[in-house]
Amino acid sequence: MKTTQSLVVAFGIGMLAGYFVNKAINGKSLSSEQALSEVKSALKGHMDIDGAWIYSQPEEWENGKLRHTVYHGGITENKDGEAVHYDFVADAKNGTLLSLTEQ
């Protein structure tokens, strides 16, 4: 009987710990530097990045009917010896690139 009770208690503690870890992970945003790193990683094989910047404060952004908390930033690419600038929007929770616009 004690083994069964111990198993039930251990299972309950595991479930509670999992719930709180999941809540902590899903509720937090990346830092601006982490989001910039994710954007640069996503673009790494597609362009020769010369420079990059990002605003440090996230803000609300709408894309049609969808709302996201995002970071705004920019990437400079070396394209045939010329600097080409792009503005980007990245999701603040996971760094996913949501928009990339050449200037």
C-alpha atoms as a PDB file:
ATOM      1  CA  MET A   1       0.000   0.000   0.000  1.00  0.00           C
ATOM      2  CA  LYS A   2       2.820   2.392   0.802  1.00  0.00           C
ATOM      3  CA  THR A   3       4.338   1.887  -2.641  1.00  0.00           C
ATOM      4  CA  THR A   4       1.054   2.793  -4.321  1.00  0.00           C
ATOM      5  CA  GLN A   5       0.680   5.905  -2.188  1.00  0.00           C
ATOM      6  CA  SER A   6       4.260   6.946  -2.910  1.00  0.00           C
ATOM      7  CA  LEU A   7       3.659   6.467  -6.625  1.00  0.00           C
ATOM      8  CA  VAL A   8       0.496   8.581  -6.540  1.00  0.00           C
ATOM      9  CA  VAL A   9       2.236  11.358  -4.593  1.00  0.00           C
ATOM     10  CA  ALA A  10       5.248  11.295  -6.940  1.00  0.00           C
ATOM     11  CA  PHE A  11       2.948  11.417  -9.965  1.00  0.00           C
ATOM     12  CA  GLY A  12       1.033  14.383  -8.484  1.00  0.00           C
ATOM     13  CA  ILE A  13       4.249  16.277  -7.730  1.00  0.00           C
ATOM     14  CA  GLY A  14       5.512  15.579 -11.253  1.00  0.00           C
ATOM     15  CA  MET A  15       2.287  16.875 -12.768  1.00  0.00           C
ATOM     16  CA  LEU A  16       2.417  20.083 -10.688  1.00  0.00           C
ATOM     17  CA  ALA A  17       6.075  20.669 -11.551  1.00  0.00           C
ATOM     18  CA  GLY A  18       5.329  20.144 -15.241  1.00  0.00           C
ATOM     19  CA  TYR A  19       2.427  22.577 -15.098  1.00  0.00           C
ATOM     20  CA  PHE A  20       4.525  25.332 -13.506  1.00  0.00           C
ATOM     21  CA  VAL A  21       7.493  24.800 -15.829  1.00  0.00           C
ATOM     22  CA  ASN A  22       5.188  24.939 -18.851  1.00  0.00           C
ATOM     23  CA  LYS A  23       3.544  28.103 -17.532  1.00  0.00           C
ATOM     24  CA  ALA A  24       6.944  29.727 -16.956  1.00  0.00           C
ATOM     25  CA  ILE A  25       8.220  28.832 -20.431  1.00  0.00           C
ATOM     26  CA  ASN A  26       5.091  29.847 -22.337  1.00  0.00           C
ATOM     27  CA  GLY A  27       4.492  33.031 -20.379  1.00  0.00           C
ATOM     28  CA  LYS A  28       7.908  34.623 -20.935  1.00  0.00           C
ATOM     29  CA  SER A  29       9.214  36.524 -23.907  1.00  0.00           C
ATOM     30  CA  LEU A  30      12.704  36.222 -25.309  1.00  0.00           C
ATOM     31  CA  SER A  31      15.085  39.077 -24.689  1.00  0.00           C
ATOM     32  CA  SER A  32      15.598  41.352 -27.675  1.00  0.00           C
ATOM     33  CA  GLU A  33      19.101  39.905 -28.144  1.00  0.00           C
ATOM     34  CA  GLN A  34      17.747  36.339 -28.160  1.00  0.00           C
ATOM     35  CA  ALA A  35      15.101  37.317 -30.729  1.00  0.00           C
ATOM     36  CA  LEU A  36      17.760  38.987 -32.910  1.00  0.00           C
ATOM     37  CA  SER A  37      19.868  35.842 -32.724  1.00  0.00           C
ATOM     38  CA  GLU A  38      16.870  33.744 -33.877  1.00  0.00           C
ATOM     39  CA  VAL A  39      16.230  36.103 -36.815  1.00  0.00           C
ATOM     40  CA  LYS A  40      19.884  36.027 -37.869  1.00  0.00           C
ATOM     41  CA  SER A  41      19.885  32.216 -37.651  1.00  0.00           C
ATOM     42  CA  ALA A  42      16.765  32.026 -39.830  1.00  0.00           C
ATOM     43  CA  LEU A  43      18.364  34.249 -42.498  1.00  0.00           C
ATOM     44  CA  LYS A  44      21.894  32.840 -42.256  1.00  0.00           C
ATOM     45  CA  GLY A  45      21.809  30.615 -45.346  1.00  0.00           C
ATOM     46  CA  HIS A  46      19.796  33.102 -47.418  1.00  0.00           C
ATOM     47  CA  MET A  47      21.812  36.311 -47.188  1.00  0.00           C
ATOM     48  CA  ASP A  48      25.250  37.679 -46.316  1.00  0.00           C
ATOM     49  CA  ILE A  49      24.467  39.699 -43.171  1.00  0.00           C
ATOM     50  CA  ASP A  50      26.703  42.733 -42.581  1.00  0.00           C
ATOM     51  CA  GLY A  51      24.895  44.191 -39.577  1.00  0.00           C
ATOM     52  CA  ALA A  52      21.765  43.949 -37.489  1.00  0.00           C
ATOM     53  CA  TRP A  53      19.884  45.910 -34.840  1.00  0.00           C
ATOM     54  CA  ILE A  54      16.739  45.502 -32.766  1.00  0.00           C
ATOM     55  CA  TYR A  55      14.609  47.681 -30.484  1.00  0.00           C
ATOM     56  CA  SER A  56      14.917  46.480 -26.906  1.00  0.00           C
ATOM     57  CA  GLN A  57      11.238  46.887 -25.971  1.00  0.00           C
ATOM     58  CA  PRO A  58       8.563  44.584 -27.400  1.00  0.00           C
ATOM     59  CA  GLU A  59       5.302  46.075 -28.659  1.00  0.00           C
ATOM     60  CA  GLU A  60       1.923  44.947 -29.939  1.00  0.00           C
ATOM     61  CA  TRP A  61       1.624  44.383 -33.715  1.00  0.00           C
ATOM     62  CA  GLU A  62      -1.364  43.383 -35.840  1.00  0.00           C
ATOM     63  CA  ASN A  63      -1.195  41.310 -38.993  1.00  0.00           C
ATOM     64  CA  GLY A  64      -4.717  41.244 -40.333  1.00  0.00           C
ATOM     65  CA  LYS A  65      -6.818  39.953 -37.451  1.00  0.00           C
ATOM     66  CA  LEU A  66      -3.876  38.400 -35.611  1.00  0.00           C
ATOM     67  CA  ARG A  67      -2.161  40.241 -32.750  1.00  0.00           C
ATOM     68  CA  HIS A  68       1.392  39.491 -31.693  1.00  0.00           C
ATOM     69  CA  THR A  69       3.855  40.865 -29.182  1.00  0.00           C
ATOM     70  CA  VAL A  70       6.900  41.574 -31.340  1.00  0.00           C
ATOM     71  CA  TYR A  71      10.303  43.157 -31.650  1.00  0.00           C
ATOM     72  CA  HIS A  72      11.119  45.464 -34.575  1.00  0.00           C
ATOM     73  CA  GLY A  73      14.596  45.543 -36.028  1.00  0.00           C
ATOM     74  CA  GLY A  74      16.720  45.683 -39.135  1.00  0.00           C
ATOM     75  CA  ILE A  75      19.274  43.657 -41.084  1.00  0.00           C
ATOM     76  CA  THR A  76      21.856  44.940 -43.544  1.00  0.00           C
ATOM     77  CA  GLU A  77      22.906  42.575 -46.317  1.00  0.00           C
ATOM     78  CA  ASN A  78      25.952  42.805 -48.552  1.00  0.00           C
ATOM     79  CA  LYS A  79      24.525  42.191 -52.029  1.00  0.00           C
ATOM     80  CA  ASP A  80      27.059  42.428 -54.863  1.00  0.00           C
ATOM     81  CA  GLY A  81      29.129  44.933 -52.877  1.00  0.00           C
ATOM     82  CA  GLU A  82      26.100  47.098 -52.061  1.00  0.00           C
ATOM     83  CA  ALA A  83      24.475  47.453 -48.654  1.00  0.00           C
ATOM     84  CA  VAL A  84      20.781  46.543 -48.742  1.00  0.00           C
ATOM     85  CA  HIS A  85      18.657  47.275 -45.673  1.00  0.00           C
ATOM     86  CA  TYR A  86      15.670  45.200 -44.506  1.00  0.00           C
ATOM     87  CA  ASP A  87      13.239  45.908 -41.683  1.00  0.00           C
ATOM     88  CA  PHE A  88      11.912  42.893 -39.798  1.00  0.00           C
ATOM     89  CA  VAL A  89       9.267  41.990 -37.256  1.00  0.00           C
ATOM     90  CA  ALA A  90       9.979  39.037 -34.956  1.00  0.00           C
ATOM     91  CA  ASP A  91       7.663  37.314 -32.486  1.00  0.00           C
ATOM     92  CA  ALA A  92       8.766  38.179 -28.943  1.00  0.00           C
ATOM     93  CA  LYS A  93       7.891  34.746 -27.522  1.00  0.00           C
ATOM     94  CA  ASN A  94       9.958  32.593 -29.861  1.00  0.00           C
ATOM     95  CA  GLY A  95      11.874  34.864 -32.260  1.00  0.00           C
ATOM     96  CA  THR A  96       9.999  33.672 -35.341  1.00  0.00           C
ATOM     97  CA  LEU A  97      10.448  36.042 -38.278  1.00  0.00           C
ATOM     98  CA  LEU A  98       6.964  37.392 -39.102  1.00  0.00           C
ATOM     99  CA  SER A  99       7.858  40.069 -41.655  1.00  0.00           C
ATOM    100  CA  LEU A 100      10.928  41.048 -43.712  1.00  0.00           C
ATOM    101  CA  THR A 101      10.714  44.133 -45.917  1.00  0.00           C
ATOM    102  CA  GLU A 102      13.457  45.498 -48.152  1.00  0.00           C
ATOM    103  CA  GLN A 103      13.923  49.278 -47.821  1.00  0.00           C
END
